[in-house]
Amino acid sequence: MERGIVLQIQRLANGERMSKENFPQEGDLPKRVGQQAAKKFNALKRLPVRGYCWFSEMYPNTYFISHYVYKNYAKLKSKDTAKVGDNWGRIEVDKDEH
């Protein structure tokens, strides 16, 4: 399991193509002031674990992984969307990577 997750992250970091099955768009990121449409965040799927991430607009060629969850359910939970949004705001808006 762990090796599979590491390989997914390496593929993402190397800019390799990711399948929609293993790297689907999962939900909306918060909108910036004046932004018309919400940007999406993705999921790194490695059943039964899912990692939520987004492609940074502030840091070139960078994906940030928000968090991983054990997911034995089909629907995205609002608490996971909120956590991604909070981490996105901290990093992309407040510029706090720690």
Protein backbone atom coordinates (compact mmCIF):
# COMPACT_ATOMS: atom_id res chain seq x y z
CA MET A 1 0.00 0.00 0.00
CA GLU A 2 2.66 2.51 1.08
CA ARG A 3 4.81 1.78 -1.96
CA GLY A 4 1.84 2.39 -4.26
CA ILE A 5 1.17 5.77 -2.65
CA VAL A 6 4.84 6.76 -2.96
CA LEU A 7 4.85 5.75 -6.64
CA GLN A 8 1.75 7.87 -7.29
CA ILE A 9 3.38 10.90 -5.66
CA GLN A 10 6.57 10.31 -7.68
CA ARG A 11 4.56 10.14 -10.93
CA LEU A 12 2.79 13.37 -10.04
CA ALA A 13 6.08 15.07 -9.10
CA ASN A 14 7.69 13.94 -12.36
CA GLY A 15 4.84 15.39 -14.40
CA GLU A 16 3.77 12.00 -15.71
CA ARG A 17 0.28 11.45 -17.01
CA MET A 18 -2.21 10.38 -14.35
CA SER A 19 -5.36 8.43 -15.18
CA LYS A 20 -8.76 9.91 -14.36
CA GLU A 21 -9.52 6.72 -12.46
CA ASN A 22 -6.56 7.12 -10.09
CA PHE A 23 -6.44 10.94 -10.10
CA PRO A 24 -10.00 12.27 -10.49
CA GLN A 25 -11.17 15.83 -9.90
CA GLU A 26 -12.86 15.56 -6.56
CA GLY A 27 -14.24 18.94 -5.46
CA ASP A 28 -14.06 22.73 -5.60
CA LEU A 29 -11.40 24.93 -4.06
CA PRO A 30 -12.46 28.26 -2.53
CA LYS A 31 -12.76 31.11 -5.01
CA ARG A 32 -10.37 34.02 -4.93
CA VAL A 33 -11.82 37.53 -4.88
CA GLY A 34 -13.09 38.31 -8.38
CA GLN A 35 -12.70 34.72 -9.59
CA GLN A 36 -15.66 33.56 -11.70
CA ALA A 37 -15.36 29.78 -11.60
CA ALA A 38 -14.00 27.63 -8.79
CA LYS A 39 -10.80 25.66 -9.43
CA LYS A 40 -10.85 21.96 -8.62
CA PHE A 41 -8.85 19.76 -6.31
CA ASN A 42 -7.96 16.18 -7.14
CA ALA A 43 -7.76 12.89 -5.30
CA LEU A 44 -4.86 10.45 -5.32
CA LYS A 45 -6.79 7.17 -5.15
CA ARG A 46 -5.14 4.11 -3.69
CA LEU A 47 -8.02 2.11 -2.25
CA PRO A 48 -8.97 2.31 0.57
CA VAL A 49 -6.90 5.48 1.03
CA ARG A 50 -7.47 8.79 -0.72
CA GLY A 51 -5.19 11.83 -0.73
CA TYR A 52 -6.56 15.24 -1.63
CA CYS A 53 -4.34 17.70 -3.50
CA TRP A 54 -4.33 20.76 -5.74
CA PHE A 55 -2.07 22.32 -8.36
CA SER A 56 -0.66 25.56 -6.98
CA GLU A 57 -1.14 28.90 -8.71
CA MET A 58 1.38 30.59 -6.39
CA TYR A 59 4.24 28.09 -6.57
CA PRO A 60 5.27 27.04 -10.12
CA ASN A 61 4.99 23.36 -11.05
CA THR A 62 3.86 22.38 -7.56
CA TYR A 63 1.12 20.15 -6.22
CA PHE A 64 0.27 20.37 -2.52
CA ILE A 65 -1.19 17.34 -0.78
CA SER A 66 -3.71 18.50 1.78
CA HIS A 67 -4.33 15.27 3.64
CA TYR A 68 -5.05 11.56 3.33
CA VAL A 69 -8.14 9.75 4.59
CA TYR A 70 -9.28 6.18 4.92
CA LYS A 71 -12.27 6.18 2.60
CA ASN A 72 -14.69 3.25 2.61
CA TYR A 73 -17.57 5.38 1.34
CA ALA A 74 -18.47 6.74 -2.09
CA LYS A 75 -19.30 10.39 -1.56
CA LEU A 76 -16.86 13.20 -0.74
CA LYS A 77 -17.45 14.41 2.81
CA SER A 78 -17.90 18.12 3.46
CA LYS A 79 -15.30 17.96 6.25
CA ASP A 80 -12.70 16.83 3.68
CA THR A 81 -13.65 19.65 1.31
CA ALA A 82 -13.38 22.09 4.22
CA LYS A 83 -9.97 20.74 5.24
CA VAL A 84 -8.63 21.06 1.69
CA GLY A 85 -10.05 24.60 1.54
CA ASP A 86 -8.44 25.53 4.86
CA ASN A 87 -5.05 24.15 3.78
CA TRP A 88 -5.36 25.82 0.37
CA GLY A 89 -6.10 29.19 2.03
CA ARG A 90 -3.21 28.82 4.46
CA ILE A 91 -0.74 28.01 1.66
CA GLU A 92 -2.05 29.86 -1.40
CA VAL A 93 -3.52 32.98 0.25
CA ASP A 94 -1.62 33.37 3.52
CA LYS A 95 1.62 31.93 2.05
CA ASP A 96 2.18 29.74 5.11
CA GLU A 97 3.58 26.37 4.02
CA HIS A 98 4.20 25.08 7.56
